[in-house]
Amino acid sequence: MLELVFVYGTLMRGNRNHRWMLQDNPGAEFVGEGWAEGVALYKVTSGYPGVILEAGSRTRGEVFRVDQQILRRMDDLEDEGDLYRREKVAVSLDEGPTVETWVYLWNRVPDPATRVPEERQPWRSRRSRGG
């Protein structure tokens, strides 16, 4: 069974973990770019972001169609159930409908000062920014 998943950080195209998602498994298909509704982006460590549910917010990212094997690998990478928890959210695609996708929500309370405003999105890994 294939699933839709919304990525907003290091797993996005051009960021450092994107190759990991595709490694040894061409079962990930890019669907499109869009905004996750009701989700706010935070810089939770120096190297990666996290999102939390927050009414009136939205986060820029990418949607992929993945198989169950990739979804399980993503659960492992995201330490699902501890650091992150996987839940469904609505994503408005730039070129298409609004779709329901999985997203990995930060399972901690972020520092409000680390919120990434919409105009500074999408997230880019330090390495992909030339740094």
N, C-alpha and C. Protein backbone atom coordinates (compact mmCIF):
# COMPACT_ATOMS: atom_id res chain seq x y z
N MET A 1 0.84 -1.18 0.00
CA MET A 1 0.00 0.00 0.00
C MET A 1 0.89 1.25 0.00
N LEU A 2 0.58 2.20 -0.85
CA LEU A 2 1.34 3.44 -0.93
C LEU A 2 0.70 4.50 -0.03
N GLU A 3 1.55 5.36 0.52
CA GLU A 3 1.11 6.42 1.43
C GLU A 3 1.70 7.75 0.97
N LEU A 4 1.02 8.84 1.29
CA LEU A 4 1.57 10.17 1.06
C LEU A 4 2.22 10.65 2.34
N VAL A 5 3.40 11.27 2.21
CA VAL A 5 4.10 11.81 3.36
C VAL A 5 4.61 13.21 3.01
N PHE A 6 4.46 14.13 3.96
CA PHE A 6 4.90 15.51 3.80
C PHE A 6 6.23 15.66 4.52
N VAL A 7 7.25 16.14 3.80
CA VAL A 7 8.56 16.39 4.40
C VAL A 7 8.85 17.88 4.34
N TYR A 8 9.49 18.40 5.38
CA TYR A 8 9.67 19.84 5.51
C TYR A 8 11.09 20.22 5.91
N GLY A 9 11.98 19.25 6.00
CA GLY A 9 13.33 19.53 6.49
C GLY A 9 14.40 18.79 5.71
N THR A 10 15.18 18.02 6.41
CA THR A 10 16.35 17.38 5.81
C THR A 10 16.00 16.34 4.75
N LEU A 11 14.76 15.86 4.70
CA LEU A 11 14.36 14.88 3.69
C LEU A 11 13.89 15.52 2.37
N MET A 12 13.79 16.85 2.34
CA MET A 12 13.37 17.52 1.11
C MET A 12 14.47 17.42 0.04
N ARG A 13 14.05 17.51 -1.22
CA ARG A 13 15.01 17.47 -2.33
C ARG A 13 16.08 18.55 -2.11
N GLY A 14 17.32 18.19 -2.33
CA GLY A 14 18.42 19.13 -2.18
C GLY A 14 18.97 19.22 -0.78
N ASN A 15 18.29 18.65 0.20
CA ASN A 15 18.78 18.64 1.57
C ASN A 15 19.51 17.34 1.88
N ARG A 16 20.24 17.33 2.97
CA ARG A 16 21.20 16.26 3.22
C ARG A 16 20.64 14.85 3.37
N ASN A 17 19.42 14.68 3.82
CA ASN A 17 18.88 13.33 4.00
C ASN A 17 17.98 12.86 2.86
N HIS A 18 17.81 13.70 1.83
CA HIS A 18 16.93 13.29 0.73
C HIS A 18 17.45 12.02 0.06
N ARG A 19 18.74 11.93 -0.17
CA ARG A 19 19.30 10.73 -0.81
C ARG A 19 19.03 9.50 0.04
N TRP A 20 19.01 9.65 1.35
CA TRP A 20 18.73 8.54 2.24
C TRP A 20 17.34 7.96 1.97
N MET A 21 16.37 8.84 1.74
CA MET A 21 15.01 8.39 1.51
C MET A 21 14.93 7.52 0.26
N LEU A 22 15.74 7.84 -0.74
CA LEU A 22 15.69 7.12 -2.00
C LEU A 22 16.69 5.97 -2.07
N GLN A 23 17.60 5.89 -1.11
CA GLN A 23 18.68 4.91 -1.12
C GLN A 23 18.16 3.49 -1.27
N ASP A 24 18.69 2.80 -2.26
CA ASP A 24 18.36 1.39 -2.50
C ASP A 24 16.87 1.14 -2.68
N ASN A 25 16.10 2.17 -2.93
CA ASN A 25 14.67 1.96 -3.05
C ASN A 25 14.04 3.07 -3.87
N PRO A 26 13.75 2.78 -5.12
CA PRO A 26 13.12 3.81 -5.95
C PRO A 26 11.62 3.94 -5.66
N GLY A 27 11.18 3.47 -4.50
CA GLY A 27 9.76 3.48 -4.16
C GLY A 27 9.23 4.80 -3.64
N ALA A 28 10.02 5.88 -3.76
CA ALA A 28 9.53 7.20 -3.34
C ALA A 28 9.33 8.05 -4.59
N GLU A 29 8.12 8.54 -4.77
CA GLU A 29 7.78 9.35 -5.94
C GLU A 29 7.40 10.76 -5.50
N PHE A 30 8.06 11.77 -6.08
CA PHE A 30 7.73 13.15 -5.77
C PHE A 30 6.34 13.46 -6.32
N VAL A 31 5.47 14.03 -5.48
CA VAL A 31 4.11 14.38 -5.87
C VAL A 31 4.00 15.87 -6.13
N GLY A 32 4.59 16.70 -5.24
CA GLY A 32 4.53 18.13 -5.44
C GLY A 32 4.91 18.91 -4.19
N GLU A 33 4.99 20.22 -4.37
CA GLU A 33 5.28 21.13 -3.27
C GLU A 33 3.96 21.70 -2.76
N GLY A 34 3.98 22.10 -1.49
CA GLY A 34 2.76 22.67 -0.94
C GLY A 34 2.94 23.15 0.48
N TRP A 35 1.82 23.47 1.10
CA TRP A 35 1.77 23.99 2.46
C TRP A 35 0.96 23.05 3.34
N ALA A 36 1.55 22.63 4.47
CA ALA A 36 0.81 21.86 5.48
C ALA A 36 0.04 22.86 6.33
N GLU A 37 -1.24 22.68 6.42
CA GLU A 37 -2.11 23.62 7.13
C GLU A 37 -2.20 23.27 8.61
N GLY A 38 -2.17 24.31 9.47
CA GLY A 38 -2.28 24.10 10.91
C GLY A 38 -1.02 23.54 11.54
N VAL A 39 0.12 23.77 10.87
CA VAL A 39 1.40 23.23 11.31
C VAL A 39 2.43 24.35 11.31
N ALA A 40 3.18 24.51 12.40
CA ALA A 40 4.21 25.56 12.51
C ALA A 40 5.60 24.93 12.54
N LEU A 41 6.55 25.58 11.85
CA LEU A 41 7.92 25.09 11.72
C LEU A 41 8.83 25.77 12.74
N TYR A 42 9.67 24.95 13.40
CA TYR A 42 10.63 25.44 14.38
C TYR A 42 12.00 24.84 14.08
N LYS A 43 13.04 25.59 14.40
CA LYS A 43 14.41 25.07 14.35
C LYS A 43 14.65 24.43 15.72
N VAL A 44 14.52 23.11 15.79
CA VAL A 44 14.56 22.44 17.10
C VAL A 44 15.96 22.07 17.55
N THR A 45 16.91 21.98 16.61
CA THR A 45 18.33 21.80 16.93
C THR A 45 19.10 22.63 15.91
N SER A 46 20.40 22.66 16.04
CA SER A 46 21.19 23.43 15.08
C SER A 46 21.15 22.82 13.69
N GLY A 47 20.81 21.53 13.58
CA GLY A 47 20.86 20.87 12.28
C GLY A 47 19.54 20.53 11.63
N TYR A 48 18.46 20.56 12.37
CA TYR A 48 17.20 20.17 11.74
C TYR A 48 15.99 20.81 12.40
N PRO A 49 14.87 20.82 11.65
CA PRO A 49 13.64 21.43 12.14
C PRO A 49 12.66 20.40 12.70
N GLY A 50 11.61 20.92 13.27
CA GLY A 50 10.47 20.12 13.68
C GLY A 50 9.22 20.96 13.51
N VAL A 51 8.09 20.30 13.40
CA VAL A 51 6.82 21.01 13.31
C VAL A 51 5.91 20.56 14.44
N ILE A 52 5.02 21.47 14.82
CA ILE A 52 3.99 21.14 15.80
C ILE A 52 2.65 21.62 15.25
N LEU A 53 1.58 21.04 15.76
CA LEU A 53 0.25 21.51 15.39
C LEU A 53 0.03 22.88 16.02
N GLU A 54 -0.38 23.84 15.20
CA GLU A 54 -0.60 25.20 15.68
C GLU A 54 -1.63 25.86 14.76
N ALA A 55 -2.81 26.09 15.28
CA ALA A 55 -3.89 26.67 14.48
C ALA A 55 -3.45 27.97 13.82
N GLY A 56 -3.84 28.14 12.56
CA GLY A 56 -3.55 29.36 11.83
C GLY A 56 -2.17 29.41 11.20
N SER A 57 -1.35 28.40 11.45
CA SER A 57 0.01 28.36 10.88
C SER A 57 0.04 27.45 9.68
N ARG A 58 1.12 27.55 8.93
CA ARG A 58 1.34 26.61 7.83
C ARG A 58 2.84 26.49 7.58
N THR A 59 3.21 25.35 7.02
CA THR A 59 4.61 25.04 6.78
C THR A 59 4.80 24.59 5.34
N ARG A 60 5.84 25.11 4.72
CA ARG A 60 6.17 24.80 3.32
C ARG A 60 6.99 23.51 3.27
N GLY A 61 6.68 22.66 2.29
CA GLY A 61 7.43 21.41 2.14
C GLY A 61 7.06 20.68 0.87
N GLU A 62 7.35 19.39 0.87
CA GLU A 62 7.15 18.54 -0.31
C GLU A 62 6.39 17.29 0.07
N VAL A 63 5.61 16.79 -0.87
CA VAL A 63 4.85 15.56 -0.67
C VAL A 63 5.44 14.48 -1.56
N PHE A 64 5.61 13.30 -0.96
CA PHE A 64 6.09 12.12 -1.68
C PHE A 64 5.11 10.99 -1.48
N ARG A 65 5.01 10.14 -2.47
CA ARG A 65 4.26 8.88 -2.36
C ARG A 65 5.30 7.81 -2.09
N VAL A 66 5.13 7.09 -0.98
CA VAL A 66 6.12 6.10 -0.57
C VAL A 66 5.46 4.76 -0.27
N ASP A 67 6.27 3.72 -0.37
CA ASP A 67 5.76 2.39 -0.01
C ASP A 67 5.96 2.15 1.49
N GLN A 68 5.45 1.03 1.97
CA GLN A 68 5.51 0.74 3.41
C GLN A 68 6.94 0.57 3.91
N GLN A 69 7.82 0.05 3.07
CA GLN A 69 9.21 -0.13 3.46
C GLN A 69 9.87 1.22 3.75
N ILE A 70 9.66 2.19 2.87
CA ILE A 70 10.23 3.52 3.08
C ILE A 70 9.59 4.18 4.30
N LEU A 71 8.28 4.03 4.47
CA LEU A 71 7.62 4.63 5.63
C LEU A 71 8.20 4.06 6.92
N ARG A 72 8.46 2.77 6.99
CA ARG A 72 9.07 2.18 8.18
C ARG A 72 10.48 2.72 8.40
N ARG A 73 11.24 2.89 7.32
CA ARG A 73 12.59 3.46 7.43
C ARG A 73 12.52 4.91 7.91
N MET A 74 11.52 5.65 7.44
CA MET A 74 11.35 7.03 7.90
C MET A 74 10.99 7.05 9.38
N ASP A 75 10.13 6.11 9.82
CA ASP A 75 9.80 6.01 11.25
C ASP A 75 11.07 5.82 12.07
N ASP A 76 11.97 4.97 11.58
CA ASP A 76 13.23 4.74 12.30
C ASP A 76 14.09 6.00 12.32
N LEU A 77 14.24 6.65 11.17
CA LEU A 77 15.06 7.85 11.07
C LEU A 77 14.52 8.94 12.00
N GLU A 78 13.21 9.11 12.04
CA GLU A 78 12.59 10.17 12.81
C GLU A 78 12.36 9.78 14.27
N ASP A 79 12.78 8.56 14.64
CA ASP A 79 12.60 8.06 16.01
C ASP A 79 11.13 8.21 16.41
N GLU A 80 10.26 7.72 15.52
CA GLU A 80 8.81 7.86 15.67
C GLU A 80 8.37 7.29 17.03
N GLY A 81 7.59 8.09 17.73
CA GLY A 81 7.10 7.73 19.05
C GLY A 81 7.93 8.34 20.17
N ASP A 82 9.14 8.80 19.86
CA ASP A 82 9.97 9.46 20.86
C ASP A 82 10.24 10.91 20.43
N LEU A 83 11.19 11.12 19.51
CA LEU A 83 11.47 12.49 19.06
C LEU A 83 10.33 13.07 18.23
N TYR A 84 9.77 12.26 17.37
CA TYR A 84 8.68 12.69 16.50
C TYR A 84 7.53 11.69 16.63
N ARG A 85 6.35 12.14 16.25
CA ARG A 85 5.20 11.23 16.14
C ARG A 85 4.55 11.47 14.78
N ARG A 86 4.16 10.41 14.15
CA ARG A 86 3.59 10.50 12.80
C ARG A 86 2.08 10.65 12.91
N GLU A 87 1.56 11.73 12.27
CA GLU A 87 0.11 11.99 12.25
C GLU A 87 -0.28 12.47 10.86
N LYS A 88 -1.58 12.48 10.61
CA LYS A 88 -2.11 12.95 9.33
C LYS A 88 -2.43 14.44 9.42
N VAL A 89 -2.09 15.16 8.32
CA VAL A 89 -2.44 16.58 8.19
C VAL A 89 -2.87 16.84 6.75
N ALA A 90 -3.54 17.97 6.55
CA ALA A 90 -3.93 18.39 5.21
C ALA A 90 -2.81 19.22 4.60
N VAL A 91 -2.49 18.94 3.34
CA VAL A 91 -1.48 19.69 2.61
C VAL A 91 -2.12 20.23 1.33
N SER A 92 -2.02 21.54 1.15
CA SER A 92 -2.51 22.17 -0.07
C SER A 92 -1.38 22.18 -1.09
N LEU A 93 -1.52 21.36 -2.13
CA LEU A 93 -0.48 21.30 -3.16
C LEU A 93 -0.52 22.55 -4.02
N ASP A 94 0.65 23.01 -4.45
CA ASP A 94 0.72 24.18 -5.32
C ASP A 94 0.01 23.93 -6.64
N GLU A 95 0.20 22.73 -7.16
CA GLU A 95 -0.41 22.37 -8.44
C GLU A 95 -1.26 21.13 -8.26
N GLY A 96 -2.38 21.31 -7.61
CA GLY A 96 -3.25 20.18 -7.39
C GLY A 96 -4.16 20.41 -6.21
N PRO A 97 -4.80 19.34 -5.78
CA PRO A 97 -5.78 19.45 -4.70
C PRO A 97 -5.13 19.50 -3.32
N THR A 98 -5.96 19.62 -2.31
CA THR A 98 -5.52 19.43 -0.93
C THR A 98 -5.58 17.93 -0.67
N VAL A 99 -4.50 17.40 -0.09
CA VAL A 99 -4.40 15.96 0.16
C VAL A 99 -4.11 15.72 1.63
N GLU A 100 -4.50 14.56 2.11
CA GLU A 100 -4.18 14.15 3.47
C GLU A 100 -2.88 13.35 3.42
N THR A 101 -1.91 13.76 4.24
CA THR A 101 -0.60 13.11 4.23
C THR A 101 -0.15 12.82 5.65
N TRP A 102 0.82 11.92 5.77
CA TRP A 102 1.52 11.74 7.03
C TRP A 102 2.52 12.88 7.18
N VAL A 103 2.77 13.29 8.42
CA VAL A 103 3.82 14.26 8.74
C VAL A 103 4.43 13.82 10.07
N TYR A 104 5.69 14.12 10.24
CA TYR A 104 6.37 13.83 11.51
C TYR A 104 6.37 15.10 12.36
N LEU A 105 5.59 15.06 13.45
CA LEU A 105 5.46 16.18 14.37
C LEU A 105 6.50 16.06 15.48
N TRP A 106 7.11 17.19 15.84
CA TRP A 106 8.08 17.23 16.93
C TRP A 106 7.35 16.87 18.21
N ASN A 107 7.89 15.93 18.96
CA ASN A 107 7.23 15.39 20.14
C ASN A 107 7.75 16.05 21.43
N ARG A 108 8.13 17.32 21.32
CA ARG A 108 8.62 18.11 22.44
C ARG A 108 7.98 19.50 22.33
N VAL A 109 8.20 20.33 23.30
CA VAL A 109 7.73 21.72 23.24
C VAL A 109 8.89 22.57 22.73
N PRO A 110 8.74 23.19 21.55
CA PRO A 110 9.84 23.99 21.02
C PRO A 110 9.95 25.35 21.69
N ASP A 111 11.13 25.94 21.61
CA ASP A 111 11.36 27.29 22.09
C ASP A 111 10.66 28.25 21.12
N PRO A 112 9.73 29.08 21.59
CA PRO A 112 9.02 30.01 20.69
C PRO A 112 9.96 30.90 19.87
N ALA A 113 11.14 31.19 20.40
CA ALA A 113 12.09 32.06 19.69
C ALA A 113 12.68 31.40 18.45
N THR A 114 12.48 30.08 18.31
CA THR A 114 13.07 29.37 17.17
C THR A 114 12.07 29.14 16.04
N ARG A 115 10.91 29.76 16.13
CA ARG A 115 9.90 29.60 15.07
C ARG A 115 10.43 30.15 13.76
N VAL A 116 10.21 29.40 12.68
CA VAL A 116 10.65 29.82 11.35
C VAL A 116 9.45 30.41 10.63
N PRO A 117 9.46 31.72 10.35
CA PRO A 117 8.30 32.35 9.70
C PRO A 117 8.13 31.86 8.27
N GLU A 118 6.92 31.96 7.77
CA GLU A 118 6.60 31.48 6.42
C GLU A 118 7.52 32.06 5.36
N GLU A 119 7.89 33.33 5.50
CA GLU A 119 8.73 33.95 4.47
C GLU A 119 10.16 33.39 4.45
N ARG A 120 10.55 32.62 5.46
CA ARG A 120 11.89 32.01 5.49
C ARG A 120 11.81 30.52 5.18
N GLN A 121 10.71 30.08 4.64
CA GLN A 121 10.52 28.68 4.28
C GLN A 121 10.58 28.54 2.76
N PRO A 122 10.90 27.38 2.25
CA PRO A 122 11.10 26.12 2.95
C PRO A 122 12.45 26.05 3.66
N TRP A 123 12.53 25.11 4.58
CA TRP A 123 13.75 24.85 5.33
C TRP A 123 14.83 24.39 4.37
N ARG A 124 16.02 24.85 4.59
CA ARG A 124 17.16 24.35 3.81
C ARG A 124 18.25 23.93 4.77
N SER A 125 18.77 22.72 4.55
CA SER A 125 19.88 22.24 5.37
C SER A 125 21.07 23.16 5.20
N ARG A 126 21.84 23.27 6.22
CA ARG A 126 23.02 24.13 6.19
C ARG A 126 23.91 23.80 5.00
N ARG A 127 24.14 22.53 4.76
CA ARG A 127 24.99 22.10 3.66
C ARG A 127 24.45 22.55 2.32
N SER A 128 23.12 22.51 2.14
CA SER A 128 22.54 22.90 0.86
C SER A 128 22.53 24.40 0.66
N ARG A 129 22.80 25.17 1.73
CA ARG A 129 22.88 26.62 1.62
C ARG A 129 24.30 27.08 1.32
N GLY A 130 25.20 26.12 1.14
CA GLY A 130 26.57 26.47 0.84
C GLY A 130 27.40 26.64 2.09
N GLY A 131 26.86 26.24 3.25
CA GLY A 131 27.57 26.40 4.50
C GLY A 131 27.92 25.12 5.18
